Protein backbone atom coordinates (compact mmCIF):
# COMPACT_ATOMS: atom_id res chain seq x y z
CA UNK A 1 0.00 0.00 0.00
CA UNK A 2 2.83 2.41 0.83
CA UNK A 3 4.56 1.71 -2.52
CA UNK A 4 1.35 2.56 -4.41
CA UNK A 5 0.99 5.84 -2.49
CA UNK A 6 4.62 6.72 -3.21
CA UNK A 7 4.18 5.94 -6.92
CA UNK A 8 1.02 8.10 -7.06
CA UNK A 9 2.85 10.97 -5.33
CA UNK A 10 5.76 10.62 -7.78
CA UNK A 11 3.34 10.69 -10.72
CA UNK A 12 1.62 13.80 -9.35
CA UNK A 13 4.99 15.53 -8.85
CA UNK A 14 6.09 14.60 -12.39
CA UNK A 15 2.84 15.90 -13.83
CA UNK A 16 3.12 19.16 -11.87
CA UNK A 17 6.65 19.67 -13.24
CA UNK A 18 5.43 18.84 -16.76
CA UNK A 19 2.53 21.27 -16.36
CA UNK A 20 4.78 24.10 -15.18
CA UNK A 21 7.27 23.45 -17.98
CA UNK A 22 4.81 23.08 -20.88
CA UNK A 23 1.51 24.84 -20.12
CA UNK A 24 2.56 28.21 -21.58
CA UNK A 25 3.90 26.51 -24.73
CA UNK A 26 0.64 24.61 -25.22
CA UNK A 27 -1.43 27.75 -24.67
CA UNK A 28 0.73 29.59 -27.23
CA UNK A 29 0.27 26.76 -29.73
CA UNK A 30 -3.50 26.88 -29.24
CA UNK A 31 -3.42 30.67 -29.65
CA UNK A 32 -1.42 30.45 -32.86
CA UNK A 33 -3.88 27.94 -34.28
CA UNK A 34 -7.10 29.66 -33.16
CA UNK A 35 -6.14 33.31 -32.92
CA UNK A 36 -8.23 33.51 -29.73
CA UNK A 37 -6.49 34.15 -26.41
CA UNK A 38 -9.33 32.98 -24.15
CA UNK A 39 -10.03 29.89 -26.24
CA UNK A 40 -6.31 29.08 -26.28
CA UNK A 41 -6.12 29.12 -22.50
CA UNK A 42 -9.20 26.90 -22.24
CA UNK A 43 -7.82 24.48 -24.83
CA UNK A 44 -4.46 24.25 -23.07
CA UNK A 45 -6.24 23.58 -19.76
CA UNK A 46 -8.44 20.92 -21.39
CA UNK A 47 -5.33 19.32 -22.88
CA UNK A 48 -3.61 19.24 -19.50
CA UNK A 49 -6.69 17.63 -17.95
CA UNK A 50 -6.70 14.98 -20.66
CA UNK A 51 -2.97 14.42 -20.12
CA UNK A 52 -3.48 14.06 -16.37
CA UNK A 53 -6.12 11.38 -16.95
CA UNK A 54 -3.65 9.46 -19.14
CA UNK A 55 -0.50 10.45 -17.28
CA UNK A 56 0.85 6.89 -16.97
CA UNK A 57 0.70 6.52 -20.76
CA UNK A 58 1.99 10.06 -21.42
CA UNK A 59 5.00 9.81 -19.13
CA UNK A 60 5.92 6.47 -20.72
CA UNK A 61 5.90 8.06 -24.21
CA UNK A 62 9.21 8.78 -25.93
CA UNK A 63 8.31 12.47 -26.28
CA UNK A 64 5.63 13.56 -23.80
CA UNK A 65 5.74 17.17 -25.00
CA UNK A 66 5.07 16.06 -28.59
CA UNK A 67 2.20 13.92 -27.31
CA UNK A 68 0.84 17.01 -25.51
CA UNK A 69 1.11 19.12 -28.69
CA UNK A 70 -0.86 16.44 -30.50
CA UNK A 71 -3.58 16.60 -27.86
CA UNK A 72 -3.79 20.41 -28.21
CA UNK A 73 -3.84 20.16 -32.00
CA UNK A 74 -6.68 17.63 -31.88
CA UNK A 75 -8.67 19.77 -29.44
CA UNK A 76 -8.19 22.82 -31.69
CA UNK A 77 -9.24 20.79 -34.72
CA UNK A 78 -12.40 19.64 -32.91
CA UNK A 79 -13.17 23.22 -31.83
CA UNK A 80 -12.68 24.56 -35.36
CA UNK A 81 -14.87 21.85 -36.86
CA UNK A 82 -17.61 22.60 -34.34
CA UNK A 83 -17.36 26.32 -35.08
CA UNK A 84 -17.50 25.67 -38.83
CA UNK A 85 -20.59 23.48 -38.40
CA UNK A 86 -22.27 26.14 -36.29
CA UNK A 87 -21.46 28.89 -38.80
CA UNK A 88 -22.83 26.74 -41.60
CA UNK A 89 -26.07 26.22 -39.68
CA UNK A 90 -26.39 29.96 -39.06
CA UNK A 91 -25.53 30.81 -42.66
CA UNK A 92 -28.03 28.29 -43.99
CA UNK A 93 -30.72 29.86 -41.85
CA UNK A 94 -29.97 33.54 -42.58
CA UNK A 95 -28.24 33.61 -45.94
CA UNK A 96 -30.67 33.70 -48.84
CA UNK A 97 -28.08 34.63 -51.44
CA UNK A 98 -27.17 32.11 -54.14
CA UNK A 99 -24.22 29.86 -53.27
CA UNK A 100 -22.59 30.23 -56.67
CA UNK A 101 -21.81 33.34 -58.68
CA UNK A 102 -20.88 33.19 -62.33
CA UNK A 103 -17.37 34.51 -63.00
CA UNK A 104 -16.75 35.98 -59.55
CA UNK A 105 -13.93 38.41 -58.95
CA UNK A 106 -12.32 36.06 -56.43
CA UNK A 107 -9.76 38.48 -54.90
CA UNK A 108 -12.53 41.05 -54.36
CA UNK A 109 -15.07 38.57 -52.99
CA UNK A 110 -13.00 36.12 -50.95
CA UNK A 111 -11.02 37.60 -48.09
CA UNK A 112 -7.99 35.90 -46.61
CA UNK A 113 -9.81 34.59 -43.54
CA UNK A 114 -12.46 32.89 -45.61
CA UNK A 115 -9.81 31.39 -47.86
CA UNK A 116 -7.82 30.14 -44.88
CA UNK A 117 -10.93 28.54 -43.37
CA UNK A 118 -11.37 26.66 -46.63
CA UNK A 119 -8.03 24.92 -46.12
CA UNK A 120 -7.87 21.62 -44.24
CA UNK A 121 -6.57 22.08 -40.71
CA UNK A 122 -2.94 20.96 -41.20
CA UNK A 123 -2.45 23.05 -44.35
CA UNK A 124 -4.01 26.09 -42.65
CA UNK A 125 -1.84 25.60 -39.55
CA UNK A 126 1.34 25.34 -41.64
CA UNK A 127 0.50 28.40 -43.75
CA UNK A 128 -0.45 30.49 -40.70
CA UNK A 129 2.60 29.52 -38.66
CA UNK A 130 5.03 29.93 -41.57
CA UNK A 131 3.68 33.13 -43.15
CA UNK A 132 1.54 34.96 -40.59
CA UNK A 133 3.80 34.20 -37.61
CA UNK A 134 7.03 33.89 -39.59
CA UNK A 135 8.11 30.65 -37.90
CA UNK A 136 10.82 28.56 -39.51
CA UNK A 137 9.97 25.18 -40.99
CA UNK A 138 11.63 23.54 -38.00
CA UNK A 139 9.73 25.64 -35.44
CA UNK A 140 6.47 25.01 -37.27
CA UNK A 141 7.17 21.27 -37.26
CA UNK A 142 7.88 21.37 -33.53
CA UNK A 143 4.74 23.38 -32.82
CA UNK A 144 2.56 20.94 -34.74
CA UNK A 145 4.38 17.76 -33.79
CA UNK A 146 5.04 16.81 -37.40
CA UNK A 147 8.14 16.42 -39.56
CA UNK A 148 9.82 19.28 -41.42
CA UNK A 149 8.96 17.49 -44.67
CA UNK A 150 5.27 17.53 -43.72
CA UNK A 151 5.51 21.27 -43.02
CA UNK A 152 7.14 21.86 -46.41
CA UNK A 153 4.55 19.85 -48.35
CA UNK A 154 1.52 21.12 -46.43
CA UNK A 155 2.67 24.74 -46.70
CA UNK A 156 3.26 24.36 -50.43
CA UNK A 157 -0.10 22.70 -50.99
CA UNK A 158 -1.84 25.26 -48.77
CA UNK A 159 -0.31 28.18 -50.64
CA UNK A 160 -1.28 26.58 -53.96
CA UNK A 161 -4.86 26.30 -52.72
CA UNK A 162 -4.83 29.92 -51.53
CA UNK A 163 -3.49 30.94 -54.93
CA UNK A 164 -6.38 29.10 -56.53
CA UNK A 165 -8.87 30.75 -54.17
CA UNK A 166 -7.44 34.27 -54.04
CA UNK A 167 -5.58 34.60 -57.33
CA UNK A 168 -1.83 34.56 -57.87
CA UNK A 169 -1.14 38.18 -56.88
CA UNK A 170 -3.12 38.05 -53.61
CA UNK A 171 -1.48 34.77 -52.54
CA UNK A 172 1.97 36.19 -53.32
CA UNK A 173 1.17 39.30 -51.24
CA UNK A 174 -0.07 37.08 -48.41
CA UNK A 175 3.17 35.07 -48.44
CA UNK A 176 5.17 38.30 -48.45
CA UNK A 177 3.18 39.56 -45.46
CA UNK A 178 1.50 42.45 -47.26
CA UNK A 179 -2.06 41.31 -46.53
C-alpha atoms as a PDB file:
ATOM      1  CA  UNK A   1       0.000   0.000   0.000  1.00  0.00           C
ATOM      2  CA  UNK A   2       2.827   2.409   0.833  1.00  0.00           C
ATOM      3  CA  UNK A   3       4.561   1.709  -2.519  1.00  0.00           C
ATOM      4  CA  UNK A   4       1.351   2.565  -4.414  1.00  0.00           C
ATOM      5  CA  UNK A   5       0.995   5.836  -2.486  1.00  0.00           C
ATOM      6  CA  UNK A   6       4.620   6.723  -3.206  1.00  0.00           C
ATOM      7  CA  UNK A   7       4.176   5.942  -6.916  1.00  0.00           C
ATOM      8  CA  UNK A   8       1.024   8.097  -7.063  1.00  0.00           C
ATOM      9  CA  UNK A   9       2.845  10.968  -5.334  1.00  0.00           C
ATOM     10  CA  UNK A  10       5.764  10.619  -7.776  1.00  0.00           C
ATOM     11  CA  UNK A  11       3.343  10.686 -10.722  1.00  0.00           C
ATOM     12  CA  UNK A  12       1.622  13.800  -9.353  1.00  0.00           C
ATOM     13  CA  UNK A  13       4.988  15.529  -8.849  1.00  0.00           C
ATOM     14  CA  UNK A  14       6.086  14.599 -12.385  1.00  0.00           C
ATOM     15  CA  UNK A  15       2.839  15.901 -13.835  1.00  0.00           C
ATOM     16  CA  UNK A  16       3.125  19.155 -11.871  1.00  0.00           C
ATOM     17  CA  UNK A  17       6.647  19.674 -13.245  1.00  0.00           C
ATOM     18  CA  UNK A  18       5.427  18.839 -16.765  1.00  0.00           C
ATOM     19  CA  UNK A  19       2.525  21.274 -16.358  1.00  0.00           C
ATOM     20  CA  UNK A  20       4.777  24.097 -15.178  1.00  0.00           C
ATOM     21  CA  UNK A  21       7.274  23.452 -17.977  1.00  0.00           C
ATOM     22  CA  UNK A  22       4.812  23.084 -20.884  1.00  0.00           C
ATOM     23  CA  UNK A  23       1.512  24.836 -20.122  1.00  0.00           C
ATOM     24  CA  UNK A  24       2.560  28.213 -21.579  1.00  0.00           C
ATOM     25  CA  UNK A  25       3.904  26.514 -24.730  1.00  0.00           C
ATOM     26  CA  UNK A  26       0.643  24.609 -25.218  1.00  0.00           C
ATOM     27  CA  UNK A  27      -1.431  27.754 -24.671  1.00  0.00           C
ATOM     28  CA  UNK A  28       0.725  29.592 -27.228  1.00  0.00           C
ATOM     29  CA  UNK A  29       0.272  26.764 -29.731  1.00  0.00           C
ATOM     30  CA  UNK A  30      -3.498  26.878 -29.238  1.00  0.00           C
ATOM     31  CA  UNK A  31      -3.424  30.666 -29.647  1.00  0.00           C
ATOM     32  CA  UNK A  32      -1.421  30.449 -32.858  1.00  0.00           C
ATOM     33  CA  UNK A  33      -3.877  27.939 -34.279  1.00  0.00           C
ATOM     34  CA  UNK A  34      -7.099  29.658 -33.159  1.00  0.00           C
ATOM     35  CA  UNK A  35      -6.143  33.313 -32.918  1.00  0.00           C
ATOM     36  CA  UNK A  36      -8.235  33.510 -29.732  1.00  0.00           C
ATOM     37  CA  UNK A  37      -6.487  34.145 -26.412  1.00  0.00           C
ATOM     38  CA  UNK A  38      -9.332  32.983 -24.154  1.00  0.00           C
ATOM     39  CA  UNK A  39     -10.026  29.891 -26.235  1.00  0.00           C
ATOM     40  CA  UNK A  40      -6.305  29.081 -26.277  1.00  0.00           C
ATOM     41  CA  UNK A  41      -6.120  29.125 -22.497  1.00  0.00           C
ATOM     42  CA  UNK A  42      -9.202  26.898 -22.240  1.00  0.00           C
ATOM     43  CA  UNK A  43      -7.825  24.480 -24.826  1.00  0.00           C
ATOM     44  CA  UNK A  44      -4.457  24.247 -23.073  1.00  0.00           C
ATOM     45  CA  UNK A  45      -6.238  23.578 -19.758  1.00  0.00           C
ATOM     46  CA  UNK A  46      -8.438  20.921 -21.395  1.00  0.00           C
ATOM     47  CA  UNK A  47      -5.327  19.322 -22.880  1.00  0.00           C
ATOM     48  CA  UNK A  48      -3.611  19.242 -19.503  1.00  0.00           C
ATOM     49  CA  UNK A  49      -6.687  17.634 -17.950  1.00  0.00           C
ATOM     50  CA  UNK A  50      -6.698  14.978 -20.662  1.00  0.00           C
ATOM     51  CA  UNK A  51      -2.971  14.415 -20.124  1.00  0.00           C
ATOM     52  CA  UNK A  52      -3.481  14.061 -16.375  1.00  0.00           C
ATOM     53  CA  UNK A  53      -6.123  11.383 -16.948  1.00  0.00           C
ATOM     54  CA  UNK A  54      -3.646   9.463 -19.139  1.00  0.00           C
ATOM     55  CA  UNK A  55      -0.497  10.450 -17.281  1.00  0.00           C
ATOM     56  CA  UNK A  56       0.851   6.891 -16.970  1.00  0.00           C
ATOM     57  CA  UNK A  57       0.695   6.524 -20.759  1.00  0.00           C
ATOM     58  CA  UNK A  58       1.988  10.061 -21.421  1.00  0.00           C
ATOM     59  CA  UNK A  59       5.001   9.808 -19.127  1.00  0.00           C
ATOM     60  CA  UNK A  60       5.918   6.468 -20.716  1.00  0.00           C
ATOM     61  CA  UNK A  61       5.900   8.059 -24.208  1.00  0.00           C
ATOM     62  CA  UNK A  62       9.210   8.779 -25.932  1.00  0.00           C
ATOM     63  CA  UNK A  63       8.310  12.471 -26.281  1.00  0.00           C
ATOM     64  CA  UNK A  64       5.630  13.559 -23.799  1.00  0.00           C
ATOM     65  CA  UNK A  65       5.739  17.174 -25.005  1.00  0.00           C
ATOM     66  CA  UNK A  66       5.070  16.060 -28.590  1.00  0.00           C
ATOM     67  CA  UNK A  67       2.196  13.920 -27.305  1.00  0.00           C
ATOM     68  CA  UNK A  68       0.838  17.009 -25.514  1.00  0.00           C
ATOM     69  CA  UNK A  69       1.110  19.120 -28.687  1.00  0.00           C
ATOM     70  CA  UNK A  70      -0.860  16.437 -30.504  1.00  0.00           C
ATOM     71  CA  UNK A  71      -3.583  16.601 -27.864  1.00  0.00           C
ATOM     72  CA  UNK A  72      -3.788  20.412 -28.211  1.00  0.00           C
ATOM     73  CA  UNK A  73      -3.844  20.160 -32.001  1.00  0.00           C
ATOM     74  CA  UNK A  74      -6.681  17.628 -31.879  1.00  0.00           C
ATOM     75  CA  UNK A  75      -8.667  19.774 -29.439  1.00  0.00           C
ATOM     76  CA  UNK A  76      -8.193  22.822 -31.690  1.00  0.00           C
ATOM     77  CA  UNK A  77      -9.244  20.795 -34.725  1.00  0.00           C
ATOM     78  CA  UNK A  78     -12.395  19.638 -32.910  1.00  0.00           C
ATOM     79  CA  UNK A  79     -13.175  23.216 -31.835  1.00  0.00           C
ATOM     80  CA  UNK A  80     -12.684  24.563 -35.358  1.00  0.00           C
ATOM     81  CA  UNK A  81     -14.869  21.845 -36.862  1.00  0.00           C
ATOM     82  CA  UNK A  82     -17.606  22.602 -34.338  1.00  0.00           C
ATOM     83  CA  UNK A  83     -17.355  26.317 -35.080  1.00  0.00           C
ATOM     84  CA  UNK A  84     -17.504  25.675 -38.826  1.00  0.00           C
ATOM     85  CA  UNK A  85     -20.588  23.478 -38.404  1.00  0.00           C
ATOM     86  CA  UNK A  86     -22.274  26.145 -36.289  1.00  0.00           C
ATOM     87  CA  UNK A  87     -21.457  28.887 -38.796  1.00  0.00           C
ATOM     88  CA  UNK A  88     -22.829  26.739 -41.605  1.00  0.00           C
ATOM     89  CA  UNK A  89     -26.075  26.223 -39.683  1.00  0.00           C
ATOM     90  CA  UNK A  90     -26.391  29.962 -39.060  1.00  0.00           C
ATOM     91  CA  UNK A  91     -25.528  30.806 -42.660  1.00  0.00           C
ATOM     92  CA  UNK A  92     -28.035  28.286 -43.993  1.00  0.00           C
ATOM     93  CA  UNK A  93     -30.721  29.859 -41.850  1.00  0.00           C
ATOM     94  CA  UNK A  94     -29.970  33.538 -42.577  1.00  0.00           C
ATOM     95  CA  UNK A  95     -28.240  33.615 -45.943  1.00  0.00           C
ATOM     96  CA  UNK A  96     -30.670  33.695 -48.836  1.00  0.00           C
ATOM     97  CA  UNK A  97     -28.076  34.629 -51.443  1.00  0.00           C
ATOM     98  CA  UNK A  98     -27.170  32.113 -54.142  1.00  0.00           C
ATOM     99  CA  UNK A  99     -24.223  29.864 -53.268  1.00  0.00           C
ATOM    100  CA  UNK A 100     -22.588  30.229 -56.668  1.00  0.00           C
ATOM    101  CA  UNK A 101     -21.815  33.339 -58.680  1.00  0.00           C
ATOM    102  CA  UNK A 102     -20.879  33.187 -62.327  1.00  0.00           C
ATOM    103  CA  UNK A 103     -17.371  34.511 -62.999  1.00  0.00           C
ATOM    104  CA  UNK A 104     -16.746  35.978 -59.546  1.00  0.00           C
ATOM    105  CA  UNK A 105     -13.931  38.415 -58.952  1.00  0.00           C
ATOM    106  CA  UNK A 106     -12.318  36.062 -56.428  1.00  0.00           C
ATOM    107  CA  UNK A 107      -9.763  38.476 -54.897  1.00  0.00           C
ATOM    108  CA  UNK A 108     -12.527  41.053 -54.355  1.00  0.00           C
ATOM    109  CA  UNK A 109     -15.067  38.573 -52.990  1.00  0.00           C
ATOM    110  CA  UNK A 110     -13.004  36.123 -50.947  1.00  0.00           C
ATOM    111  CA  UNK A 111     -11.024  37.601 -48.087  1.00  0.00           C
ATOM    112  CA  UNK A 112      -7.988  35.899 -46.612  1.00  0.00           C
ATOM    113  CA  UNK A 113      -9.809  34.585 -43.539  1.00  0.00           C
ATOM    114  CA  UNK A 114     -12.461  32.886 -45.614  1.00  0.00           C
ATOM    115  CA  UNK A 115      -9.814  31.387 -47.862  1.00  0.00           C
ATOM    116  CA  UNK A 116      -7.817  30.140 -44.878  1.00  0.00           C
ATOM    117  CA  UNK A 117     -10.929  28.541 -43.371  1.00  0.00           C
ATOM    118  CA  UNK A 118     -11.373  26.656 -46.635  1.00  0.00           C
ATOM    119  CA  UNK A 119      -8.034  24.918 -46.118  1.00  0.00           C
ATOM    120  CA  UNK A 120      -7.869  21.615 -44.237  1.00  0.00           C
ATOM    121  CA  UNK A 121      -6.566  22.077 -40.708  1.00  0.00           C
ATOM    122  CA  UNK A 122      -2.944  20.962 -41.198  1.00  0.00           C
ATOM    123  CA  UNK A 123      -2.454  23.053 -44.350  1.00  0.00           C
ATOM    124  CA  UNK A 124      -4.009  26.086 -42.646  1.00  0.00           C
ATOM    125  CA  UNK A 125      -1.840  25.604 -39.553  1.00  0.00           C
ATOM    126  CA  UNK A 126       1.336  25.336 -41.641  1.00  0.00           C
ATOM    127  CA  UNK A 127       0.502  28.405 -43.751  1.00  0.00           C
ATOM    128  CA  UNK A 128      -0.452  30.489 -40.701  1.00  0.00           C
ATOM    129  CA  UNK A 129       2.598  29.516 -38.663  1.00  0.00           C
ATOM    130  CA  UNK A 130       5.027  29.931 -41.573  1.00  0.00           C
ATOM    131  CA  UNK A 131       3.682  33.131 -43.147  1.00  0.00           C
ATOM    132  CA  UNK A 132       1.539  34.957 -40.593  1.00  0.00           C
ATOM    133  CA  UNK A 133       3.800  34.195 -37.606  1.00  0.00           C
ATOM    134  CA  UNK A 134       7.027  33.891 -39.594  1.00  0.00           C
ATOM    135  CA  UNK A 135       8.108  30.647 -37.901  1.00  0.00           C
ATOM    136  CA  UNK A 136      10.820  28.564 -39.512  1.00  0.00           C
ATOM    137  CA  UNK A 137       9.969  25.185 -40.994  1.00  0.00           C
ATOM    138  CA  UNK A 138      11.630  23.542 -38.004  1.00  0.00           C
ATOM    139  CA  UNK A 139       9.731  25.638 -35.441  1.00  0.00           C
ATOM    140  CA  UNK A 140       6.469  25.007 -37.270  1.00  0.00           C
ATOM    141  CA  UNK A 141       7.170  21.273 -37.259  1.00  0.00           C
ATOM    142  CA  UNK A 142       7.881  21.371 -33.534  1.00  0.00           C
ATOM    143  CA  UNK A 143       4.737  23.380 -32.823  1.00  0.00           C
ATOM    144  CA  UNK A 144       2.558  20.936 -34.740  1.00  0.00           C
ATOM    145  CA  UNK A 145       4.380  17.757 -33.787  1.00  0.00           C
ATOM    146  CA  UNK A 146       5.042  16.806 -37.403  1.00  0.00           C
ATOM    147  CA  UNK A 147       8.144  16.422 -39.558  1.00  0.00           C
ATOM    148  CA  UNK A 148       9.824  19.281 -41.419  1.00  0.00           C
ATOM    149  CA  UNK A 149       8.957  17.488 -44.675  1.00  0.00           C
ATOM    150  CA  UNK A 150       5.268  17.532 -43.724  1.00  0.00           C
ATOM    151  CA  UNK A 151       5.506  21.267 -43.016  1.00  0.00           C
ATOM    152  CA  UNK A 152       7.135  21.860 -46.412  1.00  0.00           C
ATOM    153  CA  UNK A 153       4.554  19.853 -48.347  1.00  0.00           C
ATOM    154  CA  UNK A 154       1.524  21.117 -46.426  1.00  0.00           C
ATOM    155  CA  UNK A 155       2.670  24.738 -46.696  1.00  0.00           C
ATOM    156  CA  UNK A 156       3.262  24.358 -50.427  1.00  0.00           C
ATOM    157  CA  UNK A 157      -0.104  22.704 -50.986  1.00  0.00           C
ATOM    158  CA  UNK A 158      -1.842  25.260 -48.766  1.00  0.00           C
ATOM    159  CA  UNK A 159      -0.307  28.180 -50.645  1.00  0.00           C
ATOM    160  CA  UNK A 160      -1.284  26.584 -53.965  1.00  0.00           C
ATOM    161  CA  UNK A 161      -4.859  26.296 -52.718  1.00  0.00           C
ATOM    162  CA  UNK A 162      -4.830  29.923 -51.531  1.00  0.00           C
ATOM    163  CA  UNK A 163      -3.494  30.944 -54.926  1.00  0.00           C
ATOM    164  CA  UNK A 164      -6.379  29.095 -56.533  1.00  0.00           C
ATOM    165  CA  UNK A 165      -8.872  30.750 -54.172  1.00  0.00           C
ATOM    166  CA  UNK A 166      -7.438  34.265 -54.043  1.00  0.00           C
ATOM    167  CA  UNK A 167      -5.579  34.597 -57.327  1.00  0.00           C
ATOM    168  CA  UNK A 168      -1.827  34.559 -57.865  1.00  0.00           C
ATOM    169  CA  UNK A 169      -1.139  38.178 -56.877  1.00  0.00           C
ATOM    170  CA  UNK A 170      -3.124  38.050 -53.614  1.00  0.00           C
ATOM    171  CA  UNK A 171      -1.484  34.766 -52.544  1.00  0.00           C
ATOM    172  CA  UNK A 172       1.971  36.193 -53.318  1.00  0.00           C
ATOM    173  CA  UNK A 173       1.170  39.297 -51.240  1.00  0.00           C
ATOM    174  CA  UNK A 174      -0.067  37.081 -48.412  1.00  0.00           C
ATOM    175  CA  UNK A 175       3.171  35.072 -48.438  1.00  0.00           C
ATOM    176  CA  UNK A 176       5.174  38.301 -48.447  1.00  0.00           C
ATOM    177  CA  UNK A 177       3.182  39.560 -45.464  1.00  0.00           C
ATOM    178  CA  UNK A 178       1.503  42.451 -47.260  1.00  0.00           C
ATOM    179  CA  UNK A 179      -2.055  41.314 -46.532  1.00  0.00           C
END
